[in-house]
PDB file of N, CA and C in Angstrom:
ATOM      1  N   UNK A   1     167.866  43.368 155.768  1.00  0.00           N
ATOM      2  CA  UNK A   1     166.879  43.627 154.958  1.00  0.00           C
ATOM      3  C   UNK A   1     166.251  44.861 154.980  1.00  0.00           C
ATOM      4  N   UNK A   2     165.942  45.268 155.981  1.00  0.00           N
ATOM      5  CA  UNK A   2     165.823  46.604 156.548  1.00  0.00           C
ATOM      6  C   UNK A   2     166.394  47.733 156.337  1.00  0.00           C
ATOM      7  N   UNK A   3     167.689  47.571 156.373  1.00  0.00           N
ATOM      8  CA  UNK A   3     169.004  48.004 156.229  1.00  0.00           C
ATOM      9  C   UNK A   3     168.706  48.618 155.004  1.00  0.00           C
ATOM     10  N   UNK A   4     168.768  47.475 154.339  1.00  0.00           N
ATOM     11  CA  UNK A   4     169.051  47.824 152.366  1.00  0.00           C
ATOM     12  C   UNK A   4     168.029  48.612 152.046  1.00  0.00           C
ATOM     13  N   UNK A   5     166.887  48.050 152.644  1.00  0.00           N
ATOM     14  CA  UNK A   5     165.507  49.222 152.348  1.00  0.00           C
ATOM     15  C   UNK A   5     165.980  50.849 152.568  1.00  0.00           C
ATOM     16  N   UNK A   6     166.010  50.906 153.956  1.00  0.00           N
ATOM     17  CA  UNK A   6     166.253  52.184 154.229  1.00  0.00           C
ATOM     18  C   UNK A   6     167.367  52.878 153.356  1.00  0.00           C
ATOM     19  N   UNK A   7     168.571  51.970 153.017  1.00  0.00           N
ATOM     20  CA  UNK A   7     169.483  52.464 152.210  1.00  0.00           C
ATOM     21  C   UNK A   7     168.773  53.393 150.839  1.00  0.00           C
ATOM     22  N   UNK A   8     168.280  52.091 150.206  1.00  0.00           N
ATOM     23  CA  UNK A   8     167.736  52.489 148.738  1.00  0.00           C
ATOM     24  C   UNK A   8     166.712  53.597 149.011  1.00  0.00           C
ATOM     25  N   UNK A   9     166.004  53.704 149.792  1.00  0.00           N
ATOM     26  CA  UNK A   9     165.074  54.622 150.121  1.00  0.00           C
ATOM     27  C   UNK A   9     165.857  55.808 150.361  1.00  0.00           C
ATOM     28  N   UNK A  10     166.826  56.191 151.377  1.00  0.00           N
ATOM     29  CA  UNK A  10     167.427  57.109 150.985  1.00  0.00           C
ATOM     30  C   UNK A  10     168.031  58.158 149.781  1.00  0.00           C
ATOM     31  N   UNK A  11     168.617  57.391 148.835  1.00  0.00           N
ATOM     32  CA  UNK A  11     169.320  57.245 147.700  1.00  0.00           C
ATOM     33  C   UNK A  11     168.076  58.391 146.928  1.00  0.00           C
ATOM     34  N   UNK A  12     166.913  57.445 146.914  1.00  0.00           N
ATOM     35  CA  UNK A  12     165.880  57.815 145.938  1.00  0.00           C
ATOM     36  C   UNK A  12     165.731  58.981 146.410  1.00  0.00           C
ATOM     37  N   UNK A  13     165.690  59.482 147.566  1.00  0.00           N
ATOM     38  CA  UNK A  13     164.674  60.667 148.084  1.00  0.00           C
ATOM     39  C   UNK A  13     165.922  61.338 148.000  1.00  0.00           C
ATOM     40  N   UNK A  14     167.242  61.222 148.223  1.00  0.00           N
ATOM     41  CA  UNK A  14     168.221  62.631 147.411  1.00  0.00           C
ATOM     42  C   UNK A  14     167.934  62.924 146.354  1.00  0.00           C
ATOM     43  N   UNK A  15     168.449  61.692 145.501  1.00  0.00           N
ATOM     44  CA  UNK A  15     167.752  61.634 143.953  1.00  0.00           C
ATOM     45  C   UNK A  15     166.434  62.907 143.861  1.00  0.00           C
ATOM     46  N   UNK A  16     165.156  62.742 144.454  1.00  0.00           N
ATOM     47  CA  UNK A  16     164.142  63.014 144.169  1.00  0.00           C
ATOM     48  C   UNK A  16     164.528  64.560 144.761  1.00  0.00           C
ATOM     49  N   UNK A  17     165.062  65.012 145.486  1.00  0.00           N
ATOM     50  CA  UNK A  17     165.139  66.100 146.210  1.00  0.00           C
ATOM     51  C   UNK A  17     166.112  66.573 145.358  1.00  0.00           C
ATOM     52  N   UNK A  18     167.090  66.597 144.850  1.00  0.00           N
ATOM     53  CA  UNK A  18     168.501  67.374 143.724  1.00  0.00           C
ATOM     54  C   UNK A  18     166.952  67.450 142.509  1.00  0.00           C
ATOM     55  N   UNK A  19     166.239  66.629 141.967  1.00  0.00           N
ATOM     56  CA  UNK A  19     165.611  67.070 140.737  1.00  0.00           C
ATOM     57  C   UNK A  19     164.856  68.178 141.352  1.00  0.00           C
ATOM     58  N   UNK A  20     164.052  68.313 142.373  1.00  0.00           N
ATOM     59  CA  UNK A  20     163.123  69.120 142.667  1.00  0.00           C
ATOM     60  C   UNK A  20     163.467  70.357 142.364  1.00  0.00           C
ATOM     61  N   UNK A  21     165.261  70.287 143.442  1.00  0.00           N
ATOM     62  CA  UNK A  21     165.365  71.414 143.412  1.00  0.00           C
ATOM     63  C   UNK A  21     166.253  72.516 142.305  1.00  0.00           C
ATOM     64  N   UNK A  22     166.681  71.559 141.479  1.00  0.00           N
ATOM     65  CA  UNK A  22     167.043  71.918 140.179  1.00  0.00           C
ATOM     66  C   UNK A  22     166.067  72.530 139.010  1.00  0.00           C
ATOM     67  N   UNK A  23     164.989  71.902 139.082  1.00  0.00           N
ATOM     68  CA  UNK A  23     163.546  72.321 138.388  1.00  0.00           C
ATOM     69  C   UNK A  23     162.895  73.531 139.312  1.00  0.00           C
ATOM     70  N   UNK A  24     162.869  73.443 140.322  1.00  0.00           N
ATOM     71  CA  UNK A  24     162.194  74.804 140.594  1.00  0.00           C
ATOM     72  C   UNK A  24     162.462  75.298 141.718  1.00  0.00           C
ATOM     73  N   UNK A  25     163.638  76.156 142.361  1.00  0.00           N
ATOM     74  CA  UNK A  25     164.222  77.286 143.504  1.00  0.00           C
ATOM     75  C   UNK A  25     163.553  77.730 143.714  1.00  0.00           C
ATOM     76  N   UNK A  26     162.064  78.317 143.319  1.00  0.00           N
ATOM     77  CA  UNK A  26     161.088  79.190 143.801  1.00  0.00           C
ATOM     78  C   UNK A  26     160.337  78.527 143.922  1.00  0.00           C
ATOM     79  N   UNK A  27     159.612  77.488 144.368  1.00  0.00           N
ATOM     80  CA  UNK A  27     159.090  76.748 145.457  1.00  0.00           C
ATOM     81  C   UNK A  27     159.688  75.863 146.491  1.00  0.00           C
ATOM     82  N   UNK A  28     159.861  76.320 147.457  1.00  0.00           N
ATOM     83  CA  UNK A  28     160.656  75.280 148.295  1.00  0.00           C
ATOM     84  C   UNK A  28     159.480  74.581 149.226  1.00  0.00           C
ATOM     85  N   UNK A  29     159.005  75.697 149.742  1.00  0.00           N
ATOM     86  CA  UNK A  29     157.590  74.972 150.448  1.00  0.00           C
ATOM     87  C   UNK A  29     156.832  73.879 149.540  1.00  0.00           C
ATOM     88  N   UNK A  30     156.107  74.450 148.376  1.00  0.00           N
ATOM     89  CA  UNK A  30     155.832  72.823 147.396  1.00  0.00           C
ATOM     90  C   UNK A  30     156.838  71.528 147.204  1.00  0.00           C
ATOM     91  N   UNK A  31     158.006  72.044 146.714  1.00  0.00           N
ATOM     92  CA  UNK A  31     158.871  70.684 146.878  1.00  0.00           C
ATOM     93  C   UNK A  31     159.130  70.229 148.334  1.00  0.00           C
ATOM     94  N   UNK A  32     158.949  70.828 149.150  1.00  0.00           N
ATOM     95  CA  UNK A  32     159.473  70.783 151.393  1.00  0.00           C
ATOM     96  C   UNK A  32     158.176  69.554 151.153  1.00  0.00           C
ATOM     97  N   UNK A  33     156.660  70.008 151.093  1.00  0.00           N
ATOM     98  CA  UNK A  33     155.596  69.268 150.761  1.00  0.00           C
ATOM     99  C   UNK A  33     155.268  67.969 150.013  1.00  0.00           C
ATOM    100  N   UNK A  34     155.740  67.903 149.273  1.00  0.00           N
ATOM    101  CA  UNK A  34     156.174  66.980 148.329  1.00  0.00           C
ATOM    102  C   UNK A  34     156.794  65.896 148.602  1.00  0.00           C
ATOM    103  N   UNK A  35     158.004  66.506 149.274  1.00  0.00           N
ATOM    104  CA  UNK A  35     159.082  65.449 149.944  1.00  0.00           C
ATOM    105  C   UNK A  35     158.744  64.571 150.765  1.00  0.00           C
ATOM    106  N   UNK A  36     158.040  65.251 151.696  1.00  0.00           N
ATOM    107  CA  UNK A  36     157.090  64.871 153.021  1.00  0.00           C
ATOM    108  C   UNK A  36     156.283  63.808 152.276  1.00  0.00           C
ATOM    109  N   UNK A  37     155.655  64.159 151.521  1.00  0.00           N
ATOM    110  CA  UNK A  37     154.104  63.023 151.039  1.00  0.00           C
ATOM    111  C   UNK A  37     155.364  61.924 150.619  1.00  0.00           C
ATOM    112  N   UNK A  38     156.145  62.196 149.859  1.00  0.00           N
ATOM    113  CA  UNK A  38     156.882  61.087 149.335  1.00  0.00           C
ATOM    114  C   UNK A  38     157.598  60.186 150.292  1.00  0.00           C
ATOM    115  N   UNK A  39     158.400  60.892 151.339  1.00  0.00           N
ATOM    116  CA  UNK A  39     159.010  59.963 152.782  1.00  0.00           C
ATOM    117  C   UNK A  39     157.546  58.763 152.931  1.00  0.00           C
ATOM    118  N   UNK A  40     156.522  59.941 153.455  1.00  0.00           N
ATOM    119  CA  UNK A  40     155.268  58.949 153.938  1.00  0.00           C
ATOM    120  C   UNK A  40     155.145  57.896 152.993  1.00  0.00           C
ATOM    121  N   UNK A  41     155.093  58.289 151.858  1.00  0.00           N
ATOM    122  CA  UNK A  41     154.646  57.174 151.192  1.00  0.00           C
ATOM    123  C   UNK A  41     155.422  55.512 150.830  1.00  0.00           C
ATOM    124  N   UNK A  42     156.994  56.572 150.909  1.00  0.00           N
ATOM    125  CA  UNK A  42     157.853  55.162 151.057  1.00  0.00           C
ATOM    126  C   UNK A  42     157.897  54.389 152.366  1.00  0.00           C
ATOM    127  N   UNK A  43     157.850  55.288 153.719  1.00  0.00           N
ATOM    128  CA  UNK A  43     157.517  54.271 155.033  1.00  0.00           C
ATOM    129  C   UNK A  43     156.725  53.622 154.719  1.00  0.00           C
ATOM    130  N   UNK A  44     155.292  54.030 154.142  1.00  0.00           N
ATOM    131  CA  UNK A  44     154.345  52.913 154.114  1.00  0.00           C
ATOM    132  C   UNK A  44     154.385  51.963 153.061  1.00  0.00           C
ATOM    133  N   UNK A  45     155.126  51.986 151.998  1.00  0.00           N
ATOM    134  CA  UNK A  45     155.179  50.378 151.481  1.00  0.00           C
ATOM    135  C   UNK A  45     156.266  49.897 152.205  1.00  0.00           C
ATOM    136  N   UNK A  46     157.212  50.712 152.814  1.00  0.00           N
ATOM    137  CA  UNK A  46     158.335  49.795 153.559  1.00  0.00           C
ATOM    138  C   UNK A  46     157.946  48.867 154.260  1.00  0.00           C
ATOM    139  N   UNK A  47     156.517  49.558 154.986  1.00  0.00           N
ATOM    140  CA  UNK A  47     156.042  48.799 156.028  1.00  0.00           C
ATOM    141  C   UNK A  47     155.345  47.399 155.561  1.00  0.00           C
ATOM    142  N   UNK A  48     154.385  47.631 154.433  1.00  0.00           N
ATOM    143  CA  UNK A  48     153.857  46.744 153.827  1.00  0.00           C
ATOM    144  C   UNK A  48     154.478  45.672 153.329  1.00  0.00           C
ATOM    145  N   UNK A  49     155.799  46.325 152.819  1.00  0.00           N
ATOM    146  CA  UNK A  49     157.042  45.068 152.094  1.00  0.00           C
ATOM    147  C   UNK A  49     157.285  44.138 153.522  1.00  0.00           C
ATOM    148  N   UNK A  50     157.807  44.554 154.791  1.00  0.00           N
ATOM    149  CA  UNK A  50     158.215  44.309 155.911  1.00  0.00           C
ATOM    150  C   UNK A  50     157.420  43.106 156.166  1.00  0.00           C
ATOM    151  N   UNK A  51     155.913  43.577 156.074  1.00  0.00           N
ATOM    152  CA  UNK A  51     154.657  42.937 156.722  1.00  0.00           C
ATOM    153  C   UNK A  51     154.236  41.406 156.220  1.00  0.00           C
ATOM    154  N   UNK A  52     154.491  41.722 154.192  1.00  0.00           N
ATOM    155  CA  UNK A  52     154.499  40.513 153.744  1.00  0.00           C
ATOM    156  C   UNK A  52     155.597  39.526 153.740  1.00  0.00           C
ATOM    157  N   UNK A  53     156.498  40.126 154.040  1.00  0.00           N
ATOM    158  CA  UNK A  53     158.207  39.144 154.199  1.00  0.00           C
ATOM    159  C   UNK A  53     157.389  38.437 155.351  1.00  0.00           C
ATOM    160  N   UNK A  54     156.861  39.408 156.705  1.00  0.00           N
ATOM    161  CA  UNK A  54     156.627  38.136 157.886  1.00  0.00           C
ATOM    162  C   UNK A  54     155.591  37.262 157.584  1.00  0.00           C
ATOM    163  N   UNK A  55     154.880  37.644 157.255  1.00  0.00           N
ATOM    164  CA  UNK A  55     153.233  36.559 156.641  1.00  0.00           C
ATOM    165  C   UNK A  55     154.260  35.488 155.927  1.00  0.00           C
ATOM    166  N   UNK A  56     154.590  35.606 155.181  1.00  0.00           N
ATOM    167  CA  UNK A  56     155.294  34.790 153.770  1.00  0.00           C
ATOM    168  C   UNK A  56     155.998  33.702 155.099  1.00  0.00           C
ATOM    169  N   UNK A  57     157.064  34.450 156.123  1.00  0.00           N
ATOM    170  CA  UNK A  57     157.763  33.366 156.788  1.00  0.00           C
ATOM    171  C   UNK A  57     156.435  32.375 157.752  1.00  0.00           C
ATOM    172  N   UNK A  58     156.125  33.286 158.910  1.00  0.00           N
ATOM    173  CA  UNK A  58     154.767  32.626 159.492  1.00  0.00           C
ATOM    174  C   UNK A  58     154.340  31.643 158.455  1.00  0.00           C
ATOM    175  N   UNK A  59     153.543  31.913 157.463  1.00  0.00           N
ATOM    176  CA  UNK A  59     152.874  31.084 156.680  1.00  0.00           C
ATOM    177  C   UNK A  59     153.762  29.438 156.234  1.00  0.00           C
ATOM    178  N   UNK A  60     154.872  30.102 155.904  1.00  0.00           N
ATOM    179  CA  UNK A  60     155.760  28.578 155.504  1.00  0.00           C
ATOM    180  C   UNK A  60     156.234  28.054 156.986  1.00  0.00           C
ATOM    181  N   UNK A  61     156.205  28.543 157.843  1.00  0.00           N
ATOM    182  CA  UNK A  61     157.015  28.225 159.265  1.00  0.00           C
ATOM    183  C   UNK A  61     155.874  26.646 159.731  1.00  0.00           C
ATOM    184  N   UNK A  62     154.314  28.122 159.912  1.00  0.00           N
ATOM    185  CA  UNK A  62     153.087  26.899 160.297  1.00  0.00           C
ATOM    186  C   UNK A  62     152.327  25.695 159.099  1.00  0.00           C
ATOM    187  N   UNK A  63     152.816  26.184 158.233  1.00  0.00           N
ATOM    188  CA  UNK A  63     152.588  24.845 157.159  1.00  0.00           C
ATOM    189  C   UNK A  63     154.128  23.469 157.420  1.00  0.00           C
ATOM    190  N   UNK A  64     155.843  23.978 158.103  1.00  0.00           N
ATOM    191  CA  UNK A  64     156.439  23.123 158.105  1.00  0.00           C
ATOM    192  C   UNK A  64     155.601  22.149 159.268  1.00  0.00           C
ATOM    193  N   UNK A  65     155.473  23.341 159.970  1.00  0.00           N
ATOM    194  CA  UNK A  65     154.831  22.825 161.369  1.00  0.00           C
ATOM    195  C   UNK A  65     153.698  21.683 161.518  1.00  0.00           C
ATOM    196  N   UNK A  66     152.461  22.077 160.479  1.00  0.00           N
ATOM    197  CA  UNK A  66     151.024  21.298 160.672  1.00  0.00           C
ATOM    198  C   UNK A  66     151.952  19.807 159.854  1.00  0.00           C
ATOM    199  N   UNK A  67     153.464  20.042 158.694  1.00  0.00           N
ATOM    200  CA  UNK A  67     153.170  18.735 157.862  1.00  0.00           C
ATOM    201  C   UNK A  67     154.044  17.852 159.010  1.00  0.00           C
ATOM    202  N   UNK A  68     154.881  18.325 160.025  1.00  0.00           N
ATOM    203  CA  UNK A  68     155.591  17.133 160.813  1.00  0.00           C
ATOM    204  C   UNK A  68     154.707  16.924 161.733  1.00  0.00           C
ATOM    205  N   UNK A  69     153.250  17.707 162.619  1.00  0.00           N
ATOM    206  CA  UNK A  69     153.049  16.997 163.214  1.00  0.00           C
ATOM    207  C   UNK A  69     152.210  15.772 162.775  1.00  0.00           C
ATOM    208  N   UNK A  70     151.243  16.100 161.645  1.00  0.00           N
ATOM    209  CA  UNK A  70     150.834  14.743 160.991  1.00  0.00           C
ATOM    210  C   UNK A  70     151.288  14.183 160.909  1.00  0.00           C
ATOM    211  N   UNK A  71     152.515  13.648 161.459  1.00  0.00           N
ATOM    212  CA  UNK A  71     153.417  12.249 161.025  1.00  0.00           C
ATOM    213  C   UNK A  71     153.734  12.124 162.325  1.00  0.00           C
ATOM    214  N   UNK A  72     153.359  12.398 163.703  1.00  0.00           N
ATOM    215  CA  UNK A  72     153.302  12.347 164.932  1.00  0.00           C
ATOM    216  C   UNK A  72     152.080  11.159 164.993  1.00  0.00           C
ATOM    217  N   UNK A  73     152.137   9.803 165.518  1.00  0.00           N
ATOM    218  CA  UNK A  73     151.340   8.662 165.490  1.00  0.00           C
ATOM    219  C   UNK A  73     150.086   9.244 166.679  1.00  0.00           C
ATOM    220  N   UNK A  74     149.178   8.745 166.493  1.00  0.00           N
ATOM    221  CA  UNK A  74     148.001   8.812 167.513  1.00  0.00           C
ATOM    222  C   UNK A  74     148.441   8.535 168.750  1.00  0.00           C
ATOM    223  N   UNK A  75     147.715   9.206 169.606  1.00  0.00           N
ATOM    224  CA  UNK A  75     148.177   8.237 170.911  1.00  0.00           C
ATOM    225  C   UNK A  75     146.376   7.810 171.717  1.00  0.00           C
ATOM    226  N   UNK A  76     147.121   6.146 171.731  1.00  0.00           N
ATOM    227  CA  UNK A  76     145.887   5.836 171.741  1.00  0.00           C
ATOM    228  C   UNK A  76     145.641   5.393 173.575  1.00  0.00           C
ATOM    229  N   UNK A  77     144.198   4.895 173.700  1.00  0.00           N
ATOM    230  CA  UNK A  77     143.983   5.362 174.960  1.00  0.00           C
ATOM    231  C   UNK A  77     144.129   3.942 175.694  1.00  0.00           C
ATOM    232  N   UNK A  78     144.920   3.613 177.245  1.00  0.00           N
ATOM    233  CA  UNK A  78     145.141   2.689 177.907  1.00  0.00           C
ATOM    234  C   UNK A  78     144.355   2.696 179.120  1.00  0.00           C
ATOM    235  N   UNK A  79     142.937   2.924 179.068  1.00  0.00           N
ATOM    236  CA  UNK A  79     141.798   2.573 179.627  1.00  0.00           C
ATOM    237  C   UNK A  79     141.602   1.302 179.271  1.00  0.00           C
ATOM    238  N   UNK A  80     141.320   0.661 180.760  1.00  0.00           N
ATOM    239  CA  UNK A  80     140.434  -0.588 180.655  1.00  0.00           C
ATOM    240  C   UNK A  80     139.233  -0.566 181.658  1.00  0.00           C
ATOM    241  N   UNK A  81     138.357  -1.418 180.878  1.00  0.00           N
ATOM    242  CA  UNK A  81     136.679  -1.367 181.266  1.00  0.00           C
ATOM    243  C   UNK A  81     136.498  -2.738 181.826  1.00  0.00           C
TER     244      UNK A  81
END
């Protein structure tokens, strides 16, 4: 999953870089800064997306665990007085 996201990210960045270089060949420093900002934003989006997927998986796993644990019969005390 992470590899697919990274691949899409690279394709997007190449496309953005090509568009920027075609439009403004006179401002390479600005283009570089914009590209760095875009790269950082995309990394943050990827990280948030991965964290969301992890949260969903953990939540589903815990829900399944609790549903199964509710079906376990209660242990009765064997103490006699």
